[in-house]
Amino acid sequence: MILDLRALIFDVDGTLAETEEYHRLSFNAAFAQAGLNWTWGPELYRELLAVAGGKERIRCYMDRLETPLSGDGDLLIRDLHARKTALYAAFVAAGAIPLRPGIAELLAKARARGVALAIATTTSRPNVEALLQTQLGSERAHCFAVMICGDEVAAKKPAPDVYLAALQALGVSASQALAIEDSANGVQSARRAGVAVIATPSFYSAEDDFTCATAIAPETATLSSLLGWN
C-alpha cells in the first residue's frame, strides 16, 4: 500500500479498542453524580459522536437544551468531564475494555519491521494512558514513540492538527505514514494532513461515510493481512 512505510498512526476510541459504549456509560454516571437528569441513549450518543472531544460533546448537548442551565457553563463542563474521566478510568482499570481483535498482533508486527507507532486522538491523555497501561502493561512505554492527544492541539478532528503534530514528532513525511481510524472525522483528519488511512468501522461508526478512506478493513483482525503482514 505504501512503498516506504515508516510509521503507523492510530486513533484510540473505537480503533484500538471499542471504548465508546463505556464512555457513554461514564458520561451518564457523571451526570447522575452531579444531580442532572440527563441520559444519553445509544442513538443520541451516535449523533453526539459527530462532535469531537468529550467537553465539546457536553457543550453541544447543553446547547440543545430548551431550558439553559444557570451558572458558569464552562465550570460545569469541566466538572462533568473530570467526573466522567474518573469513571471511565475505573472501567479501564477493571479490564472491561480489551483491545480490538488483531490489534496487539498488528502492533507487534509493526515493531518487528521497524515501523514506528504513534497515537493521534481527540481523547484526553489520562484516558489513553489508562487504556494502554491496562492492556499493554510494561510494553506501553516501548510501544508508541509518539502520542498526540486532543487537548494538546489547537483544533480537534476532523481538523488535521493531531496528524500534523504526530508527523512532525515522528520525523516522517505524510507519504511515509499510514493512519488507522474508525470514524469519518478521523479519516478526514488524516486525509487533510495528507496521510493515507485505513478505515475500520466500530460499533458506533458503522454508518459513517468512509468514501475518502484509502482502504476499508471491515474488521481489525484483517488489518495485518491488508498490509501484507501475514
C-alpha atoms as a PDB file:
ATOM      1  CA  MET A   1       0.000   0.000   0.000  1.00  0.00           C
ATOM      2  CA  ILE A   2       2.877   2.361   0.875  1.00  0.00           C
ATOM      3  CA  LEU A   3       6.295   1.515  -0.548  1.00  0.00           C
ATOM      4  CA  ASP A   4       8.285   3.311   2.148  1.00  0.00           C
ATOM      5  CA  LEU A   5       6.114   2.845   5.243  1.00  0.00           C
ATOM      6  CA  ARG A   6       7.861   4.360   8.249  1.00  0.00           C
ATOM      7  CA  ALA A   7       5.003   4.884  10.712  1.00  0.00           C
ATOM      8  CA  LEU A   8       1.550   3.651  11.674  1.00  0.00           C
ATOM      9  CA  ILE A   9      -0.592   6.269  13.406  1.00  0.00           C
ATOM     10  CA  PHE A  10      -3.569   5.035  15.422  1.00  0.00           C
ATOM     11  CA  ASP A  11      -6.720   6.616  16.679  1.00  0.00           C
ATOM     12  CA  VAL A  12      -7.775   5.252  20.085  1.00  0.00           C
ATOM     13  CA  ASP A  13     -11.517   5.294  20.823  1.00  0.00           C
ATOM     14  CA  GLY A  14     -13.210   2.746  18.595  1.00  0.00           C
ATOM     15  CA  THR A  15      -9.934   1.915  16.837  1.00  0.00           C
ATOM     16  CA  LEU A  16      -7.527   0.413  19.365  1.00  0.00           C
ATOM     17  CA  ALA A  17     -10.489  -0.664  21.490  1.00  0.00           C
ATOM     18  CA  GLU A  18     -14.297  -0.497  21.452  1.00  0.00           C
ATOM     19  CA  THR A  19     -14.367   2.180  24.105  1.00  0.00           C
ATOM     20  CA  GLU A  20     -17.306   4.346  23.111  1.00  0.00           C
ATOM     21  CA  GLU A  21     -20.037   2.444  24.971  1.00  0.00           C
ATOM     22  CA  TYR A  22     -18.009   2.780  28.173  1.00  0.00           C
ATOM     23  CA  HIS A  23     -17.557   6.476  27.507  1.00  0.00           C
ATOM     24  CA  ARG A  24     -21.343   6.761  27.130  1.00  0.00           C
ATOM     25  CA  LEU A  25     -21.987   4.918  30.382  1.00  0.00           C
ATOM     26  CA  SER A  26     -19.398   7.083  32.131  1.00  0.00           C
ATOM     27  CA  PHE A  27     -21.000  10.294  30.863  1.00  0.00           C
ATOM     28  CA  ASN A  28     -24.397   9.152  32.166  1.00  0.00           C
ATOM     29  CA  ALA A  29     -22.940   8.203  35.552  1.00  0.00           C
ATOM     30  CA  ALA A  30     -21.199  11.595  35.771  1.00  0.00           C
ATOM     31  CA  PHE A  31     -24.468  13.379  35.033  1.00  0.00           C
ATOM     32  CA  ALA A  32     -26.203  11.379  37.775  1.00  0.00           C
ATOM     33  CA  GLN A  33     -23.416  12.164  40.263  1.00  0.00           C
ATOM     34  CA  ALA A  34     -23.891  15.853  39.537  1.00  0.00           C
ATOM     35  CA  GLY A  35     -27.638  15.628  40.120  1.00  0.00           C
ATOM     36  CA  LEU A  36     -28.568  16.121  36.461  1.00  0.00           C
ATOM     37  CA  ASN A  37     -31.386  14.142  34.880  1.00  0.00           C
ATOM     38  CA  TRP A  38     -29.537  13.823  31.570  1.00  0.00           C
ATOM     39  CA  THR A  39     -29.350  10.437  29.862  1.00  0.00           C
ATOM     40  CA  TRP A  40     -27.509   9.790  26.623  1.00  0.00           C
ATOM     41  CA  GLY A  41     -29.007   6.751  24.912  1.00  0.00           C
ATOM     42  CA  PRO A  42     -27.113   4.914  22.146  1.00  0.00           C
ATOM     43  CA  GLU A  43     -28.811   6.761  19.283  1.00  0.00           C
ATOM     44  CA  LEU A  44     -28.280  10.183  20.833  1.00  0.00           C
ATOM     45  CA  TYR A  45     -24.674   9.303  21.607  1.00  0.00           C
ATOM     46  CA  ARG A  46     -24.119   8.236  17.997  1.00  0.00           C
ATOM     47  CA  GLU A  47     -25.275  11.718  16.954  1.00  0.00           C
ATOM     48  CA  LEU A  48     -23.076  13.423  19.546  1.00  0.00           C
ATOM     49  CA  LEU A  49     -20.021  11.498  18.357  1.00  0.00           C
ATOM     50  CA  ALA A  50     -20.067  13.731  15.277  1.00  0.00           C
ATOM     51  CA  VAL A  51     -18.640  16.320  17.693  1.00  0.00           C
ATOM     52  CA  ALA A  52     -15.005  15.555  18.511  1.00  0.00           C
ATOM     53  CA  GLY A  53     -13.966  15.732  22.163  1.00  0.00           C
ATOM     54  CA  GLY A  54     -15.794  14.961  25.402  1.00  0.00           C
ATOM     55  CA  LYS A  55     -16.032  18.516  26.695  1.00  0.00           C
ATOM     56  CA  GLU A  56     -17.174  19.698  23.287  1.00  0.00           C
ATOM     57  CA  ARG A  57     -19.812  16.948  23.245  1.00  0.00           C
ATOM     58  CA  ILE A  58     -21.214  18.119  26.590  1.00  0.00           C
ATOM     59  CA  ARG A  59     -21.324  21.702  25.342  1.00  0.00           C
ATOM     60  CA  CYS A  60     -23.146  20.614  22.179  1.00  0.00           C
ATOM     61  CA  TYR A  61     -25.747  18.803  24.266  1.00  0.00           C
ATOM     62  CA  MET A  62     -26.160  21.792  26.587  1.00  0.00           C
ATOM     63  CA  ASP A  63     -26.754  23.992  23.555  1.00  0.00           C
ATOM     64  CA  ARG A  64     -29.599  21.677  22.544  1.00  0.00           C
ATOM     65  CA  LEU A  65     -31.421  22.024  25.849  1.00  0.00           C
ATOM     66  CA  GLU A  66     -34.603  24.066  25.666  1.00  0.00           C
ATOM     67  CA  THR A  67     -34.015  25.362  29.202  1.00  0.00           C
ATOM     68  CA  PRO A  68     -30.436  26.661  29.555  1.00  0.00           C
ATOM     69  CA  LEU A  69     -28.734  25.982  32.875  1.00  0.00           C
ATOM     70  CA  SER A  70     -27.913  28.856  35.168  1.00  0.00           C
ATOM     71  CA  GLY A  71     -24.415  29.485  36.448  1.00  0.00           C
ATOM     72  CA  ASP A  72     -20.987  29.021  34.897  1.00  0.00           C
ATOM     73  CA  GLY A  73     -21.380  26.653  31.951  1.00  0.00           C
ATOM     74  CA  ASP A  74     -17.633  26.285  31.431  1.00  0.00           C
ATOM     75  CA  LEU A  75     -17.137  25.280  35.063  1.00  0.00           C
ATOM     76  CA  LEU A  76     -19.938  22.729  34.839  1.00  0.00           C
ATOM     77  CA  ILE A  77     -18.462  21.223  31.677  1.00  0.00           C
ATOM     78  CA  ARG A  78     -15.037  20.882  33.296  1.00  0.00           C
ATOM     79  CA  ASP A  79     -16.558  19.295  36.393  1.00  0.00           C
ATOM     80  CA  LEU A  80     -18.664  16.829  34.410  1.00  0.00           C
ATOM     81  CA  HIS A  81     -15.771  15.859  32.199  1.00  0.00           C
ATOM     82  CA  ALA A  82     -13.473  15.314  35.186  1.00  0.00           C
ATOM     83  CA  ARG A  83     -16.097  13.063  36.816  1.00  0.00           C
ATOM     84  CA  LYS A  84     -16.591  11.176  33.569  1.00  0.00           C
ATOM     85  CA  THR A  85     -12.837  10.669  33.099  1.00  0.00           C
ATOM     86  CA  ALA A  86     -12.517   9.139  36.578  1.00  0.00           C
ATOM     87  CA  LEU A  87     -15.481   6.836  35.992  1.00  0.00           C
ATOM     88  CA  TYR A  88     -14.129   5.739  32.629  1.00  0.00           C
ATOM     89  CA  ALA A  89     -10.710   5.073  34.153  1.00  0.00           C
ATOM     90  CA  ALA A  90     -12.381   2.711  36.623  1.00  0.00           C
ATOM     91  CA  PHE A  91     -13.879   0.702  33.745  1.00  0.00           C
ATOM     92  CA  VAL A  92     -10.464   0.523  32.091  1.00  0.00           C
ATOM     93  CA  ALA A  93      -8.651  -0.448  35.291  1.00  0.00           C
ATOM     94  CA  ALA A  94     -11.121  -3.274  35.800  1.00  0.00           C
ATOM     95  CA  GLY A  95     -10.105  -4.710  32.427  1.00  0.00           C
ATOM     96  CA  ALA A  96     -13.547  -4.189  30.931  1.00  0.00           C
ATOM     97  CA  ILE A  97     -12.218  -2.816  27.634  1.00  0.00           C
ATOM     98  CA  PRO A  98      -9.894  -5.135  25.688  1.00  0.00           C
ATOM     99  CA  LEU A  99      -8.053  -4.191  22.516  1.00  0.00           C
ATOM    100  CA  ARG A 100      -9.977  -4.941  19.335  1.00  0.00           C
ATOM    101  CA  PRO A 101      -9.152  -8.309  17.695  1.00  0.00           C
ATOM    102  CA  GLY A 102      -5.838  -8.329  15.860  1.00  0.00           C
ATOM    103  CA  ILE A 103      -4.601  -5.002  17.240  1.00  0.00           C
ATOM    104  CA  ALA A 104      -1.982  -6.470  19.599  1.00  0.00           C
ATOM    105  CA  GLU A 105      -0.645  -8.641  16.774  1.00  0.00           C
ATOM    106  CA  LEU A 106      -0.531  -5.653  14.408  1.00  0.00           C
ATOM    107  CA  LEU A 107       1.451  -3.616  16.933  1.00  0.00           C
ATOM    108  CA  ALA A 108       3.927  -6.457  17.399  1.00  0.00           C
ATOM    109  CA  LYS A 109       4.376  -6.962  13.645  1.00  0.00           C
ATOM    110  CA  ALA A 110       4.944  -3.246  13.091  1.00  0.00           C
ATOM    111  CA  ARG A 111       7.627  -3.126  15.764  1.00  0.00           C
ATOM    112  CA  ALA A 112       9.309  -6.257  14.354  1.00  0.00           C
ATOM    113  CA  ARG A 113       9.509  -4.498  10.972  1.00  0.00           C
ATOM    114  CA  GLY A 114      10.937  -1.320  12.440  1.00  0.00           C
ATOM    115  CA  VAL A 115       7.779   0.683  11.714  1.00  0.00           C
ATOM    116  CA  ALA A 116       7.257   3.412  14.290  1.00  0.00           C
ATOM    117  CA  LEU A 117       3.953   3.546  16.155  1.00  0.00           C
ATOM    118  CA  ALA A 118       2.103   6.693  17.136  1.00  0.00           C
ATOM    119  CA  ILE A 119      -1.243   7.810  18.508  1.00  0.00           C
ATOM    120  CA  ALA A 120      -3.283  10.736  17.197  1.00  0.00           C
ATOM    121  CA  THR A 121      -6.509  11.059  19.138  1.00  0.00           C
ATOM    122  CA  THR A 122      -9.107  13.558  20.291  1.00  0.00           C
ATOM    123  CA  THR A 123      -9.447  11.884  23.675  1.00  0.00           C
ATOM    124  CA  SER A 124      -7.594  13.089  26.752  1.00  0.00           C
ATOM    125  CA  ARG A 125      -4.154  11.775  27.698  1.00  0.00           C
ATOM    126  CA  PRO A 126      -5.319  10.229  31.014  1.00  0.00           C
ATOM    127  CA  ASN A 127      -7.885   8.132  29.125  1.00  0.00           C
ATOM    128  CA  VAL A 128      -5.266   6.922  26.659  1.00  0.00           C
ATOM    129  CA  GLU A 129      -2.678   6.221  29.355  1.00  0.00           C
ATOM    130  CA  ALA A 130      -5.177   4.207  31.390  1.00  0.00           C
ATOM    131  CA  LEU A 131      -6.128   2.008  28.440  1.00  0.00           C
ATOM    132  CA  LEU A 132      -2.547   1.401  27.326  1.00  0.00           C
ATOM    133  CA  GLN A 133      -1.339   0.653  30.849  1.00  0.00           C
ATOM    134  CA  THR A 134      -4.097  -1.895  31.403  1.00  0.00           C
ATOM    135  CA  GLN A 135      -3.821  -3.606  28.019  1.00  0.00           C
ATOM    136  CA  LEU A 136      -0.090  -3.347  27.269  1.00  0.00           C
ATOM    137  CA  GLY A 137       1.444  -3.138  30.744  1.00  0.00           C
ATOM    138  CA  SER A 138       5.210  -2.753  30.686  1.00  0.00           C
ATOM    139  CA  GLU A 139       5.183  -2.817  26.870  1.00  0.00           C
ATOM    140  CA  ARG A 140       3.331   0.514  26.830  1.00  0.00           C
ATOM    141  CA  ALA A 141       6.491   2.554  27.355  1.00  0.00           C
ATOM    142  CA  HIS A 142       8.215   0.901  24.388  1.00  0.00           C
ATOM    143  CA  CYS A 143       5.274   0.620  22.009  1.00  0.00           C
ATOM    144  CA  PHE A 144       4.246   4.118  20.924  1.00  0.00           C
ATOM    145  CA  ALA A 145       7.027   6.523  20.045  1.00  0.00           C
ATOM    146  CA  VAL A 146       4.656   9.481  19.851  1.00  0.00           C
ATOM    147  CA  MET A 147       1.290  10.302  21.421  1.00  0.00           C
ATOM    148  CA  ILE A 148      -0.682  13.407  20.450  1.00  0.00           C
ATOM    149  CA  CYS A 149      -3.944  13.920  22.348  1.00  0.00           C
ATOM    150  CA  GLY A 150      -6.920  16.184  21.815  1.00  0.00           C
ATOM    151  CA  ASP A 151      -6.161  18.919  24.321  1.00  0.00           C
ATOM    152  CA  GLU A 152      -2.617  19.287  23.009  1.00  0.00           C
ATOM    153  CA  VAL A 153      -3.516  20.802  19.629  1.00  0.00           C
ATOM    154  CA  ALA A 154      -5.449  23.883  18.566  1.00  0.00           C
ATOM    155  CA  ALA A 155      -8.257  22.061  16.749  1.00  0.00           C
ATOM    156  CA  LYS A 156      -9.627  18.546  17.088  1.00  0.00           C
ATOM    157  CA  LYS A 157     -10.602  16.131  14.334  1.00  0.00           C
ATOM    158  CA  PRO A 158     -11.687  16.477  11.542  1.00  0.00           C
ATOM    159  CA  ALA A 159      -9.019  19.208  11.561  1.00  0.00           C
ATOM    160  CA  PRO A 160      -5.606  17.764  10.633  1.00  0.00           C
ATOM    161  CA  ASP A 161      -3.783  19.159  13.692  1.00  0.00           C
ATOM    162  CA  VAL A 162      -3.184  15.898  15.579  1.00  0.00           C
ATOM    163  CA  TYR A 163      -1.801  14.220  12.466  1.00  0.00           C
ATOM    164  CA  LEU A 164       0.420  17.138  11.530  1.00  0.00           C
ATOM    165  CA  ALA A 165       1.781  17.158  15.080  1.00  0.00           C
ATOM    166  CA  ALA A 166       2.339  13.396  15.019  1.00  0.00           C
ATOM    167  CA  LEU A 167       4.202  13.555  11.698  1.00  0.00           C
ATOM    168  CA  GLN A 168       6.441  16.312  12.993  1.00  0.00           C
ATOM    169  CA  ALA A 169       7.208  14.421  16.200  1.00  0.00           C
ATOM    170  CA  LEU A 170       7.901  11.212  14.285  1.00  0.00           C
ATOM    171  CA  GLY A 171      10.119  12.984  11.761  1.00  0.00           C
ATOM    172  CA  VAL A 172       8.427  11.360   8.769  1.00  0.00           C
ATOM    173  CA  SER A 173       6.573  12.754   5.782  1.00  0.00           C
ATOM    174  CA  ALA A 174       2.859  12.219   5.218  1.00  0.00           C
ATOM    175  CA  SER A 175       3.663   9.834   2.349  1.00  0.00           C
ATOM    176  CA  GLN A 176       5.642   7.606   4.741  1.00  0.00           C
ATOM    177  CA  ALA A 177       2.798   7.184   7.237  1.00  0.00           C
ATOM    178  CA  LEU A 178      -0.453   5.259   7.371  1.00  0.00           C
ATOM    179  CA  ALA A 179      -3.358   6.026   9.698  1.00  0.00           C
ATOM    180  CA  ILE A 180      -5.801   3.577  11.239  1.00  0.00           C
ATOM    181  CA  GLU A 181      -9.162   5.173  12.040  1.00  0.00           C
ATOM    182  CA  ASP A 182     -12.713   4.078  12.829  1.00  0.00           C
ATOM    183  CA  SER A 183     -14.709   7.266  12.182  1.00  0.00           C
ATOM    184  CA  ALA A 184     -15.430   9.698   9.365  1.00  0.00           C
ATOM    185  CA  ASN A 185     -13.984  12.559  11.448  1.00  0.00           C
ATOM    186  CA  GLY A 186     -10.775  10.618  11.927  1.00  0.00           C
ATOM    187  CA  VAL A 187     -10.487   9.662   8.277  1.00  0.00           C
ATOM    188  CA  GLN A 188     -10.978  13.277   7.238  1.00  0.00           C
ATOM    189  CA  SER A 189      -8.374  14.433   9.747  1.00  0.00           C
ATOM    190  CA  ALA A 190      -5.743  12.052   8.389  1.00  0.00           C
ATOM    191  CA  ARG A 191      -6.517  12.814   4.750  1.00  0.00           C
ATOM    192  CA  ARG A 192      -6.366  16.585   5.369  1.00  0.00           C
ATOM    193  CA  ALA A 193      -2.857  16.009   6.697  1.00  0.00           C
ATOM    194  CA  GLY A 194      -2.008  14.109   3.515  1.00  0.00           C
ATOM    195  CA  VAL A 195      -1.840  10.734   5.274  1.00  0.00           C
ATOM    196  CA  ALA A 196      -3.275   7.577   3.719  1.00  0.00           C
ATOM    197  CA  VAL A 197      -5.811   5.934   6.022  1.00  0.00           C
ATOM    198  CA  ILE A 198      -7.444   2.569   6.531  1.00  0.00           C
ATOM    199  CA  ALA A 199     -10.935   2.848   7.996  1.00  0.00           C
ATOM    200  CA  THR A 200     -12.010   0.036  10.288  1.00  0.00           C
ATOM    201  CA  PRO A 201     -15.592   0.802  11.404  1.00  0.00           C
ATOM    202  CA  SER A 202     -16.540   0.317  15.047  1.00  0.00           C
ATOM    203  CA  PHE A 203     -19.929  -0.226  16.690  1.00  0.00           C
ATOM    204  CA  TYR A 204     -20.816   3.460  16.810  1.00  0.00           C
ATOM    205  CA  SER A 205     -19.269   4.419  13.457  1.00  0.00           C
ATOM    206  CA  ALA A 206     -20.597   1.626  11.243  1.00  0.00           C
ATOM    207  CA  GLU A 207     -22.854   4.044   9.356  1.00  0.00           C
ATOM    208  CA  ASP A 208     -20.193   6.744   8.819  1.00  0.00           C
ATOM    209  CA  ASP A 209     -19.198   7.846   5.321  1.00  0.00           C
ATOM    210  CA  PHE A 210     -15.752   6.397   4.567  1.00  0.00           C
ATOM    211  CA  THR A 211     -15.574   7.331   0.892  1.00  0.00           C
ATOM    212  CA  CYS A 212     -12.382   9.350   1.374  1.00  0.00           C
ATOM    213  CA  ALA A 213     -10.557   6.480   3.106  1.00  0.00           C
ATOM    214  CA  THR A 214      -7.678   4.878   1.213  1.00  0.00           C
ATOM    215  CA  ALA A 215      -9.000   1.429   2.120  1.00  0.00           C
ATOM    216  CA  ILE A 216     -11.598  -0.131   4.409  1.00  0.00           C
ATOM    217  CA  ALA A 217     -10.999  -3.093   6.730  1.00  0.00           C
ATOM    218  CA  PRO A 218     -14.382  -4.380   7.950  1.00  0.00           C
ATOM    219  CA  GLU A 219     -12.670  -5.990  10.941  1.00  0.00           C
ATOM    220  CA  THR A 220      -9.486  -5.018  12.780  1.00  0.00           C
ATOM    221  CA  ALA A 221      -8.419  -8.660  12.631  1.00  0.00           C
ATOM    222  CA  THR A 222      -7.861  -8.225   8.864  1.00  0.00           C
ATOM    223  CA  LEU A 223      -5.512  -5.227   9.144  1.00  0.00           C
ATOM    224  CA  SER A 224      -2.298  -7.271   9.168  1.00  0.00           C
ATOM    225  CA  SER A 225      -3.271  -9.209   6.040  1.00  0.00           C
ATOM    226  CA  LEU A 226      -4.378  -5.997   4.307  1.00  0.00           C
ATOM    227  CA  LEU A 227      -0.852  -4.676   4.874  1.00  0.00           C
ATOM    228  CA  GLY A 228       0.639  -7.948   3.658  1.00  0.00           C
ATOM    229  CA  TRP A 229       1.999  -8.730   7.115  1.00  0.00           C
ATOM    230  CA  ASN A 230       0.900 -12.359   7.299  1.00  0.00           C
END
